[in-house]
Amino acid sequence: MYIPNVISPFMFLRKSALIECSVCKHAVHHAGKNTQHLLFLHHLISRQMTFAFTLIYLWTLVALKLSQLFLYMRVFAIHIRNWILAGIAIVVIWGLVFTFIFIFLCNPVKQQWSLERIGRCMDQMLVLKCVIMTNVLTDVFIFALPIRSVWKLQMRKTEKFAVLSCFALGAA
């Protein structure tokens, strides 16, 4: 079986663990020395990690939504296939749009983790609220896709509700 050469999602976790270890090593070896520099370094690294993990979080949401949509594509009939493909397109576009918004939230980009005020930033709370609202909307859309197909199955209503609740667990 051919497995494409892709970047492992665990690569980011290893990188962040290395950054944390380097911060801890720096803290242990420089304990008692210039604490202002150490606090600045901790703050700088934590802001850089927040920047990186925001993007990782966003693409984790995209991967979860896509996995559920691909499951629907395998399980359900052809009549909702176009809706599933539209959902896949919406989720991918959603991920790309918010990736660019998060990357270019500040001008220059370095301003997101820098303590110096050398540029300007958009309203971060507004962007996060938009991410949350659109995340909920895509979750509702993805949950609503199989309702009609499940409701047509020949089983008791309690079993139908059980199946739909299992699909609802996929909401991120």
C-alpha atoms as a PDB file:
ATOM      1  CA  MET A   1       0.000   0.000   0.000  1.00  0.00           C
ATOM      2  CA  TYR A   2       1.336   3.434  -0.944  1.00  0.00           C
ATOM      3  CA  ILE A   3       1.507   5.935   1.901  1.00  0.00           C
ATOM      4  CA  PRO A   4       2.118   9.485   0.689  1.00  0.00           C
ATOM      5  CA  ASN A   5       5.018  11.413   2.100  1.00  0.00           C
ATOM      6  CA  VAL A   6       3.269  13.931   4.358  1.00  0.00           C
ATOM      7  CA  ILE A   7       4.264  15.943   7.368  1.00  0.00           C
ATOM      8  CA  SER A   8       3.398  14.145  10.556  1.00  0.00           C
ATOM      9  CA  PRO A   9       0.977  16.019  12.838  1.00  0.00           C
ATOM     10  CA  PHE A  10       3.126  14.891  15.745  1.00  0.00           C
ATOM     11  CA  MET A  11       6.053  16.880  14.345  1.00  0.00           C
ATOM     12  CA  PHE A  12       4.502  20.038  15.811  1.00  0.00           C
ATOM     13  CA  LEU A  13       4.156  18.401  19.204  1.00  0.00           C
ATOM     14  CA  ARG A  14       7.798  17.358  19.175  1.00  0.00           C
ATOM     15  CA  LYS A  15       8.838  20.870  18.200  1.00  0.00           C
ATOM     16  CA  SER A  16       6.798  22.460  20.984  1.00  0.00           C
ATOM     17  CA  ALA A  17       8.181  19.966  23.501  1.00  0.00           C
ATOM     18  CA  LEU A  18      11.693  20.900  22.412  1.00  0.00           C
ATOM     19  CA  ILE A  19      10.894  24.573  22.861  1.00  0.00           C
ATOM     20  CA  GLU A  20       9.474  23.913  26.335  1.00  0.00           C
ATOM     21  CA  CYS A  21      12.523  21.860  27.271  1.00  0.00           C
ATOM     22  CA  SER A  22      14.828  24.635  26.107  1.00  0.00           C
ATOM     23  CA  VAL A  23      12.879  27.141  28.208  1.00  0.00           C
ATOM     24  CA  CYS A  24      13.117  24.871  31.265  1.00  0.00           C
ATOM     25  CA  LYS A  25      16.823  24.292  30.627  1.00  0.00           C
ATOM     26  CA  HIS A  26      17.348  28.035  30.320  1.00  0.00           C
ATOM     27  CA  ALA A  27      15.416  28.626  33.541  1.00  0.00           C
ATOM     28  CA  VAL A  28      17.422  26.017  35.483  1.00  0.00           C
ATOM     29  CA  HIS A  29      20.842  27.068  34.221  1.00  0.00           C
ATOM     30  CA  HIS A  30      20.195  30.778  34.600  1.00  0.00           C
ATOM     31  CA  ALA A  31      18.320  30.724  37.904  1.00  0.00           C
ATOM     32  CA  GLY A  32      19.115  33.698  40.073  1.00  0.00           C
ATOM     33  CA  LYS A  33      20.535  35.700  37.198  1.00  0.00           C
ATOM     34  CA  ASN A  34      18.781  38.525  35.358  1.00  0.00           C
ATOM     35  CA  THR A  35      15.143  37.557  35.960  1.00  0.00           C
ATOM     36  CA  GLN A  36      13.865  40.335  33.705  1.00  0.00           C
ATOM     37  CA  HIS A  37      15.601  38.681  30.764  1.00  0.00           C
ATOM     38  CA  LEU A  38      14.219  35.290  31.790  1.00  0.00           C
ATOM     39  CA  LEU A  39      10.671  36.630  32.135  1.00  0.00           C
ATOM     40  CA  PHE A  40      11.009  38.332  28.759  1.00  0.00           C
ATOM     41  CA  LEU A  41      12.207  35.062  27.217  1.00  0.00           C
ATOM     42  CA  HIS A  42       9.324  33.101  28.782  1.00  0.00           C
ATOM     43  CA  HIS A  43       6.817  35.663  27.569  1.00  0.00           C
ATOM     44  CA  LEU A  44       8.288  35.723  24.092  1.00  0.00           C
ATOM     45  CA  ILE A  45       8.319  31.930  23.748  1.00  0.00           C
ATOM     46  CA  SER A  46       4.813  31.559  25.183  1.00  0.00           C
ATOM     47  CA  ARG A  47       3.484  34.099  22.670  1.00  0.00           C
ATOM     48  CA  GLN A  48       5.262  32.313  19.825  1.00  0.00           C
ATOM     49  CA  MET A  49       3.814  28.981  20.975  1.00  0.00           C
ATOM     50  CA  THR A  50       0.346  30.532  21.227  1.00  0.00           C
ATOM     51  CA  PHE A  51       0.704  31.735  17.643  1.00  0.00           C
ATOM     52  CA  ALA A  52       1.747  28.259  16.448  1.00  0.00           C
ATOM     53  CA  PHE A  53      -0.850  26.368  18.458  1.00  0.00           C
ATOM     54  CA  THR A  54      -3.648  28.626  17.236  1.00  0.00           C
ATOM     55  CA  LEU A  55      -2.919  27.433  13.718  1.00  0.00           C
ATOM     56  CA  ILE A  56      -2.593  23.834  14.886  1.00  0.00           C
ATOM     57  CA  TYR A  57      -5.946  24.120  16.682  1.00  0.00           C
ATOM     58  CA  LEU A  58      -7.595  25.525  13.582  1.00  0.00           C
ATOM     59  CA  TRP A  59      -6.328  22.732  11.327  1.00  0.00           C
ATOM     60  CA  THR A  60      -7.236  20.127  13.930  1.00  0.00           C
ATOM     61  CA  LEU A  61     -10.804  21.385  13.710  1.00  0.00           C
ATOM     62  CA  VAL A  62     -10.624  21.184   9.920  1.00  0.00           C
ATOM     63  CA  ALA A  63      -9.294  17.609  10.091  1.00  0.00           C
ATOM     64  CA  LEU A  64     -12.069  16.560  12.482  1.00  0.00           C
ATOM     65  CA  LYS A  65     -14.770  18.063  10.284  1.00  0.00           C
ATOM     66  CA  LEU A  66     -13.304  16.535   7.132  1.00  0.00           C
ATOM     67  CA  SER A  67     -13.047  13.097   8.730  1.00  0.00           C
ATOM     68  CA  GLN A  68     -16.713  13.213   9.648  1.00  0.00           C
ATOM     69  CA  LEU A  69     -17.676  14.368   6.165  1.00  0.00           C
ATOM     70  CA  PHE A  70     -15.633  11.588   4.540  1.00  0.00           C
ATOM     71  CA  LEU A  71     -17.323   9.110   6.856  1.00  0.00           C
ATOM     72  CA  TYR A  72     -20.685  10.398   5.646  1.00  0.00           C
ATOM     73  CA  MET A  73     -19.515   9.998   2.056  1.00  0.00           C
ATOM     74  CA  ARG A  74     -18.747   6.330   2.652  1.00  0.00           C
ATOM     75  CA  VAL A  75     -21.835   5.526   4.692  1.00  0.00           C
ATOM     76  CA  PHE A  76     -24.709   7.434   3.155  1.00  0.00           C
ATOM     77  CA  ALA A  77     -26.441   7.286  -0.195  1.00  0.00           C
ATOM     78  CA  ILE A  78     -25.641   9.280  -3.260  1.00  0.00           C
ATOM     79  CA  HIS A  79     -28.496  11.760  -2.740  1.00  0.00           C
ATOM     80  CA  ILE A  80     -26.533  13.722  -0.122  1.00  0.00           C
ATOM     81  CA  ARG A  81     -23.180  13.376  -1.892  1.00  0.00           C
ATOM     82  CA  ASN A  82     -23.381  16.897  -3.369  1.00  0.00           C
ATOM     83  CA  TRP A  83     -24.126  18.320   0.084  1.00  0.00           C
ATOM     84  CA  ILE A  84     -21.162  16.442   1.499  1.00  0.00           C
ATOM     85  CA  LEU A  85     -18.875  17.752  -1.242  1.00  0.00           C
ATOM     86  CA  ALA A  86     -20.171  21.267  -0.583  1.00  0.00           C
ATOM     87  CA  GLY A  87     -19.445  20.749   3.110  1.00  0.00           C
ATOM     88  CA  ILE A  88     -15.899  19.605   2.323  1.00  0.00           C
ATOM     89  CA  ALA A  89     -15.337  22.692   0.185  1.00  0.00           C
ATOM     90  CA  ILE A  90     -16.775  24.987   2.873  1.00  0.00           C
ATOM     91  CA  VAL A  91     -14.602  23.463   5.605  1.00  0.00           C
ATOM     92  CA  VAL A  92     -11.400  23.674   3.539  1.00  0.00           C
ATOM     93  CA  ILE A  93     -12.122  27.274   2.526  1.00  0.00           C
ATOM     94  CA  TRP A  94     -12.990  28.066   6.160  1.00  0.00           C
ATOM     95  CA  GLY A  95      -9.631  26.669   7.277  1.00  0.00           C
ATOM     96  CA  LEU A  96      -7.667  28.551   4.624  1.00  0.00           C
ATOM     97  CA  VAL A  97      -9.427  31.867   5.266  1.00  0.00           C
ATOM     98  CA  PHE A  98      -8.879  31.770   9.014  1.00  0.00           C
ATOM     99  CA  THR A  99      -5.296  30.565   8.557  1.00  0.00           C
ATOM    100  CA  PHE A 100      -4.513  33.674   6.539  1.00  0.00           C
ATOM    101  CA  ILE A 101      -6.434  35.849   8.999  1.00  0.00           C
ATOM    102  CA  PHE A 102      -4.502  34.406  11.953  1.00  0.00           C
ATOM    103  CA  ILE A 103      -1.141  34.668  10.196  1.00  0.00           C
ATOM    104  CA  PHE A 104      -1.680  38.220   8.983  1.00  0.00           C
ATOM    105  CA  LEU A 105      -3.576  39.406  12.059  1.00  0.00           C
ATOM    106  CA  CYS A 106      -0.813  41.905  12.709  1.00  0.00           C
ATOM    107  CA  ASN A 107       1.274  43.969  10.339  1.00  0.00           C
ATOM    108  CA  PRO A 108       4.143  42.984  10.503  1.00  0.00           C
ATOM    109  CA  VAL A 109       3.456  39.363  11.466  1.00  0.00           C
ATOM    110  CA  LYS A 110       6.191  39.509  14.111  1.00  0.00           C
ATOM    111  CA  GLN A 111       4.010  41.929  16.058  1.00  0.00           C
ATOM    112  CA  GLN A 112       1.884  38.982  17.259  1.00  0.00           C
ATOM    113  CA  TRP A 113       4.628  37.727  19.566  1.00  0.00           C
ATOM    114  CA  SER A 114       6.790  40.800  19.924  1.00  0.00           C
ATOM    115  CA  LEU A 115       6.499  43.066  22.935  1.00  0.00           C
ATOM    116  CA  GLU A 116       7.618  46.048  20.902  1.00  0.00           C
ATOM    117  CA  ARG A 117       4.826  48.077  19.351  1.00  0.00           C
ATOM    118  CA  ILE A 118       6.150  48.347  15.814  1.00  0.00           C
ATOM    119  CA  GLY A 119       2.924  47.818  13.883  1.00  0.00           C
ATOM    120  CA  ARG A 120      -0.780  47.418  14.293  1.00  0.00           C
ATOM    121  CA  CYS A 121      -3.120  44.455  14.793  1.00  0.00           C
ATOM    122  CA  MET A 122      -6.730  43.696  14.012  1.00  0.00           C
ATOM    123  CA  ASP A 123      -9.187  43.102  16.832  1.00  0.00           C
ATOM    124  CA  GLN A 124      -8.202  39.620  17.999  1.00  0.00           C
ATOM    125  CA  MET A 125     -11.347  39.084  20.068  1.00  0.00           C
ATOM    126  CA  LEU A 126     -13.517  39.813  17.046  1.00  0.00           C
ATOM    127  CA  VAL A 127     -11.569  37.290  14.977  1.00  0.00           C
ATOM    128  CA  LEU A 128     -11.904  34.646  17.697  1.00  0.00           C
ATOM    129  CA  LYS A 129     -15.638  35.300  17.959  1.00  0.00           C
ATOM    130  CA  CYS A 130     -15.927  34.853  14.191  1.00  0.00           C
ATOM    131  CA  VAL A 131     -14.011  31.566  14.381  1.00  0.00           C
ATOM    132  CA  ILE A 132     -16.294  30.307  17.143  1.00  0.00           C
ATOM    133  CA  MET A 133     -19.490  31.345  15.368  1.00  0.00           C
ATOM    134  CA  THR A 134     -18.483  29.836  12.033  1.00  0.00           C
ATOM    135  CA  ASN A 135     -17.249  26.704  13.820  1.00  0.00           C
ATOM    136  CA  VAL A 136     -20.693  26.249  15.386  1.00  0.00           C
ATOM    137  CA  LEU A 137     -22.394  26.879  12.035  1.00  0.00           C
ATOM    138  CA  THR A 138     -20.282  24.268  10.253  1.00  0.00           C
ATOM    139  CA  ASP A 139     -20.897  21.815  13.104  1.00  0.00           C
ATOM    140  CA  VAL A 140     -24.663  22.291  12.795  1.00  0.00           C
ATOM    141  CA  PHE A 141     -24.438  21.850   9.009  1.00  0.00           C
ATOM    142  CA  ILE A 142     -22.390  18.668   9.358  1.00  0.00           C
ATOM    143  CA  PHE A 143     -24.737  17.303  12.016  1.00  0.00           C
ATOM    144  CA  ALA A 144     -27.813  18.069   9.908  1.00  0.00           C
ATOM    145  CA  LEU A 145     -26.562  16.202   6.840  1.00  0.00           C
ATOM    146  CA  PRO A 146     -27.415  12.626   7.906  1.00  0.00           C
ATOM    147  CA  ILE A 147     -30.680  13.377   9.740  1.00  0.00           C
ATOM    148  CA  ARG A 148     -32.947  12.652   6.771  1.00  0.00           C
ATOM    149  CA  SER A 149     -31.113   9.448   5.848  1.00  0.00           C
ATOM    150  CA  VAL A 150     -31.084   8.156   9.412  1.00  0.00           C
ATOM    151  CA  TRP A 151     -34.751   8.989   9.879  1.00  0.00           C
ATOM    152  CA  LYS A 152     -35.663   6.811   6.879  1.00  0.00           C
ATOM    153  CA  LEU A 153     -34.013   3.733   8.408  1.00  0.00           C
ATOM    154  CA  GLN A 154     -36.266   0.947   9.599  1.00  0.00           C
ATOM    155  CA  MET A 155     -35.565   1.023  13.316  1.00  0.00           C
ATOM    156  CA  ARG A 156     -37.175   2.336  16.475  1.00  0.00           C
ATOM    157  CA  LYS A 157     -37.087   6.056  17.156  1.00  0.00           C
ATOM    158  CA  THR A 158     -34.888   5.573  20.204  1.00  0.00           C
ATOM    159  CA  GLU A 159     -32.313   3.809  18.032  1.00  0.00           C
ATOM    160  CA  LYS A 160     -32.516   6.606  15.470  1.00  0.00           C
ATOM    161  CA  PHE A 161     -31.874   9.151  18.202  1.00  0.00           C
ATOM    162  CA  ALA A 162     -28.960   7.037  19.417  1.00  0.00           C
ATOM    163  CA  VAL A 163     -27.405   6.981  15.937  1.00  0.00           C
ATOM    164  CA  LEU A 164     -27.890  10.737  15.540  1.00  0.00           C
ATOM    165  CA  SER A 165     -26.383  11.379  18.969  1.00  0.00           C
ATOM    166  CA  CYS A 166     -23.324   9.382  17.905  1.00  0.00           C
ATOM    167  CA  PHE A 167     -22.995  11.667  14.895  1.00  0.00           C
ATOM    168  CA  ALA A 168     -23.452  14.678  17.190  1.00  0.00           C
ATOM    169  CA  LEU A 169     -20.378  13.585  19.131  1.00  0.00           C
ATOM    170  CA  GLY A 170     -18.335  14.626  16.096  1.00  0.00           C
ATOM    171  CA  ALA A 171     -19.124  18.290  16.732  1.00  0.00           C
ATOM    172  CA  ALA A 172     -15.844  19.949  17.614  1.00  0.00           C
END
